C-alpha cells in the first residue's frame, strides 16, 4: 500500500483515541525506532497519539475539515519519511509541530488564490483543555475573522514564535510583507475586540 494512502486511512479509524496518556520516554523511543524501520504499527500509534494536538494547531488557520485533514496527512507523511532527521535532541512534538507548520504553509501557497476568495464565517474553536486563559481562547476564535494570509502570519509570529524571516521563507513573501500582515492582523484583532466589548446601545 502507498504510504500516503496508508496515512490517510488512519484518519478513517478512531484517531481520537489519541487522548490517551503520554507515552513514557522508553515507549516513545520504541515508536520512533519502529518508524525508522517503517513499522506500520508504530506509525499508527504515533499518528493517533499526536492527531488531536496537531489538528488543533492546523485548525487555527485552516478551519475547513477537509483542508485540515489534508495538511495533517501531508505533515505526517513528511515526518515519517524524514524521521531519521530527528536526532533526539529537544522535544519530538516540537519537531513534528514544525513539520506540520511547513505542510500548512505549502498548502496555503498552493491554494492561496482560492483561499483569498473565501469569506466564510469562523466556526467555534475546539478547546480541549480549559486551562488556557480566556483571553487566549478568544484570540484563537478571532483569528478566523482575519484574511487567510494575515491569519497565517499572525499565528506563526504571535502564537508559534517564528521570526519574520522564517515566515517569509515559509509563505513565499518578503519579510516586509510578513511584518505588514502581523501589524494589520493586530489592528484588526484590536478592532474586533473593541466591537465585541462595546456597551450595547441604549434604547428608549
Protein backbone atom coordinates (compact mmCIF):
# COMPACT_ATOMS: atom_id res chain seq x y z
CA UNK A 1 0.00 0.00 0.00
CA UNK A 2 1.20 3.52 -0.83
CA UNK A 3 2.43 5.32 2.30
CA UNK A 4 0.17 8.33 1.77
CA UNK A 5 -2.88 6.11 1.25
CA UNK A 6 -1.98 4.28 4.45
CA UNK A 7 -1.65 7.52 6.43
CA UNK A 8 -4.96 8.78 5.04
CA UNK A 9 -6.63 5.51 6.04
CA UNK A 10 -5.59 6.08 9.65
CA UNK A 11 -7.90 9.06 9.83
CA UNK A 12 -10.83 6.81 8.92
CA UNK A 13 -10.34 4.86 12.12
CA UNK A 14 -10.91 6.27 15.59
CA UNK A 15 -7.91 8.60 15.61
CA UNK A 16 -9.38 10.37 18.61
CA UNK A 17 -8.19 7.64 20.92
CA UNK A 18 -5.20 9.98 20.71
CA UNK A 19 -6.27 11.43 24.02
CA UNK A 20 -4.56 8.56 25.80
CA UNK A 21 -1.85 9.19 28.39
CA UNK A 22 1.51 10.40 27.17
CA UNK A 23 3.90 7.56 26.39
CA UNK A 24 6.89 7.16 28.66
CA UNK A 25 10.33 8.06 27.26
CA UNK A 26 11.06 4.40 26.54
CA UNK A 27 7.76 3.86 24.75
CA UNK A 28 8.15 6.96 22.56
CA UNK A 29 11.71 5.91 21.72
CA UNK A 30 10.41 2.48 20.70
CA UNK A 31 7.77 4.08 18.46
CA UNK A 32 10.36 6.30 16.80
CA UNK A 33 12.73 3.40 16.24
CA UNK A 34 9.85 1.45 14.71
CA UNK A 35 9.01 4.39 12.44
CA UNK A 36 12.62 4.45 11.24
CA UNK A 37 12.11 0.81 10.20
CA UNK A 38 8.80 1.84 8.56
CA UNK A 39 6.89 -0.32 11.03
CA UNK A 40 3.22 0.42 10.30
CA UNK A 41 2.05 -0.32 13.85
CA UNK A 42 4.50 2.22 15.31
CA UNK A 43 3.48 4.77 12.67
CA UNK A 44 -0.17 4.23 13.57
CA UNK A 45 0.49 4.68 17.29
CA UNK A 46 2.46 7.87 16.69
CA UNK A 47 -0.23 9.23 14.34
CA UNK A 48 -3.07 8.52 16.76
CA UNK A 49 -1.19 9.88 19.75
CA UNK A 50 -0.39 13.26 18.15
CA UNK A 51 -3.52 13.54 15.96
CA UNK A 52 -5.57 15.83 18.21
CA UNK A 53 -2.71 18.16 19.12
CA UNK A 54 -1.53 18.62 15.54
CA UNK A 55 -5.10 19.01 14.28
CA UNK A 56 -5.71 21.77 16.83
CA UNK A 57 -2.60 23.59 15.56
CA UNK A 58 -3.77 23.34 11.95
CA UNK A 59 -7.36 24.45 12.64
CA UNK A 60 -6.18 27.78 13.97
CA UNK A 61 -5.54 28.82 10.39
CA UNK A 62 -7.45 26.20 8.37
CA UNK A 63 -10.89 25.62 9.93
CA UNK A 64 -12.16 23.67 6.90
CA UNK A 65 -12.12 19.97 7.97
CA UNK A 66 -11.08 18.61 4.57
CA UNK A 67 -8.18 21.05 4.27
CA UNK A 68 -7.11 20.35 7.84
CA UNK A 69 -7.01 16.58 7.28
CA UNK A 70 -5.06 17.02 4.03
CA UNK A 71 -2.48 19.19 5.78
CA UNK A 72 -2.28 16.80 8.73
CA UNK A 73 -1.67 13.80 6.49
CA UNK A 74 0.91 15.68 4.42
CA UNK A 75 2.66 16.62 7.65
CA UNK A 76 2.75 13.07 8.96
CA UNK A 77 3.93 11.78 5.59
CA UNK A 78 6.87 14.18 5.77
CA UNK A 79 7.55 13.25 9.37
CA UNK A 80 7.61 9.53 8.60
CA UNK A 81 9.86 9.97 5.55
CA UNK A 82 12.23 12.29 7.46
CA UNK A 83 12.11 10.57 10.84
CA UNK A 84 15.83 9.78 10.65
CA UNK A 85 16.49 13.54 10.78
CA UNK A 86 15.12 13.73 14.32
CA UNK A 87 18.25 13.47 16.44
CA UNK A 88 16.51 13.02 19.76
CA UNK A 89 17.70 16.42 20.93
CA UNK A 90 14.75 18.50 22.09
CA UNK A 91 11.06 17.66 22.05
CA UNK A 92 9.80 15.32 19.35
CA UNK A 93 6.44 17.10 19.48
CA UNK A 94 8.20 20.39 18.75
CA UNK A 95 9.99 18.79 15.79
CA UNK A 96 6.70 17.37 14.47
CA UNK A 97 4.96 20.70 15.02
CA UNK A 98 7.48 22.50 12.80
CA UNK A 99 6.92 19.95 10.04
CA UNK A 100 3.15 20.44 10.30
CA UNK A 101 3.57 24.22 10.09
CA UNK A 102 5.61 23.83 6.90
CA UNK A 103 2.95 21.49 5.47
CA UNK A 104 0.31 24.14 6.25
CA UNK A 105 2.40 26.85 4.62
CA UNK A 106 2.84 24.73 1.48
CA UNK A 107 -0.90 24.09 1.34
CA UNK A 108 -1.54 27.82 1.64
CA UNK A 109 0.89 28.67 -1.17
CA UNK A 110 -0.65 26.04 -3.45
CA UNK A 111 -4.22 27.23 -2.78
CA UNK A 112 -3.85 30.90 -1.95
CA UNK A 113 -5.99 32.23 -4.81
CA UNK A 114 -8.93 30.09 -3.74
CA UNK A 115 -8.36 30.77 -0.05
CA UNK A 116 -8.20 34.54 -0.54
CA UNK A 117 -11.60 34.46 -2.22
CA UNK A 118 -13.29 32.57 0.61
CA UNK A 119 -15.17 34.65 3.16
CA UNK A 120 -16.73 32.01 5.39
CA UNK A 121 -17.69 32.89 8.93
CA UNK A 122 -15.42 31.29 11.54
CA UNK A 123 -16.57 28.14 13.31
CA UNK A 124 -16.45 27.56 17.02
CA UNK A 125 -12.88 26.80 18.04
CA UNK A 126 -12.43 23.49 19.81
CA UNK A 127 -10.83 23.95 23.20
CA UNK A 128 -9.91 20.59 24.66
CA UNK A 129 -8.10 21.97 27.68
CA UNK A 130 -9.93 24.54 29.77
CA UNK A 131 -6.70 25.62 31.45
CA UNK A 132 -5.89 28.23 28.78
CA UNK A 133 -6.69 31.83 29.80
CA UNK A 134 -9.99 33.12 28.47
CA UNK A 135 -8.15 35.86 26.53
CA UNK A 136 -6.09 33.21 24.70
CA UNK A 137 -9.21 31.24 23.75
CA UNK A 138 -10.84 34.43 22.50
CA UNK A 139 -7.76 35.20 20.39
CA UNK A 140 -7.98 31.77 18.73
CA UNK A 141 -11.62 32.42 17.85
CA UNK A 142 -10.93 35.89 16.45
CA UNK A 143 -8.08 34.61 14.27
CA UNK A 144 -10.67 33.12 11.93
CA UNK A 145 -12.03 36.57 11.10
CA UNK A 146 -8.67 37.58 9.60
CA UNK A 147 -7.89 37.20 5.88
CA UNK A 148 -6.02 33.91 5.22
CA UNK A 149 -2.54 35.36 4.62
CA UNK A 150 -2.79 37.66 7.62
CA UNK A 151 -4.14 34.81 9.75
CA UNK A 152 -1.16 32.62 8.80
CA UNK A 153 1.39 35.33 9.60
CA UNK A 154 -0.23 36.29 12.91
CA UNK A 155 -0.48 32.68 14.05
CA UNK A 156 3.13 31.91 13.15
CA UNK A 157 4.55 35.12 14.66
CA UNK A 158 2.44 35.75 17.75
CA UNK A 159 1.39 32.26 18.80
CA UNK A 160 4.12 30.00 17.44
CA UNK A 161 7.07 32.37 17.82
CA UNK A 162 8.51 32.24 14.30
CA UNK A 163 10.63 35.15 13.10
CA UNK A 164 9.58 37.30 10.14
CA UNK A 165 12.47 35.82 8.16
CA UNK A 166 11.19 32.29 8.81
CA UNK A 167 7.60 33.26 7.99
CA UNK A 168 8.70 34.92 4.76
CA UNK A 169 10.51 31.76 3.66
CA UNK A 170 7.55 29.53 4.57
CA UNK A 171 4.90 31.65 2.82
CA UNK A 172 7.00 32.82 -0.13
CA UNK A 173 6.74 36.51 0.79
CA UNK A 174 9.19 39.24 1.83
CA UNK A 175 9.98 39.97 5.48
CA UNK A 176 8.39 43.39 4.96
CA UNK A 177 5.15 41.76 3.83
CA UNK A 178 5.24 39.44 6.83
CA UNK A 179 5.62 42.45 9.14
CA UNK A 180 2.74 44.20 7.39
CA UNK A 181 0.45 41.18 7.83
CA UNK A 182 1.26 40.96 11.55
CA UNK A 183 0.73 44.69 12.02
CA UNK A 184 -2.54 44.58 10.07
CA UNK A 185 -3.62 41.50 11.99
CA UNK A 186 -3.02 43.22 15.34
CA UNK A 187 -5.00 46.23 14.14
CA UNK A 188 -7.93 44.07 13.03
CA UNK A 189 -7.89 41.96 16.20
CA UNK A 190 -7.97 45.14 18.30
CA UNK A 191 -10.88 46.40 16.20
CA UNK A 192 -12.75 43.10 16.64
CA UNK A 193 -12.18 43.18 20.40
CA UNK A 194 -13.36 46.79 20.67
CA UNK A 195 -16.56 45.93 18.79
CA UNK A 196 -17.13 42.83 20.91
CA UNK A 197 -16.61 44.72 24.17
CA UNK A 198 -18.57 47.82 23.20
CA UNK A 199 -21.52 48.53 25.52
CA UNK A 200 -24.94 47.92 23.96
CA UNK A 201 -26.69 50.94 22.53
CA UNK A 202 -29.36 52.22 24.88
CA UNK A 203 -32.93 52.01 23.59
CA UNK A 204 -35.60 54.41 24.76
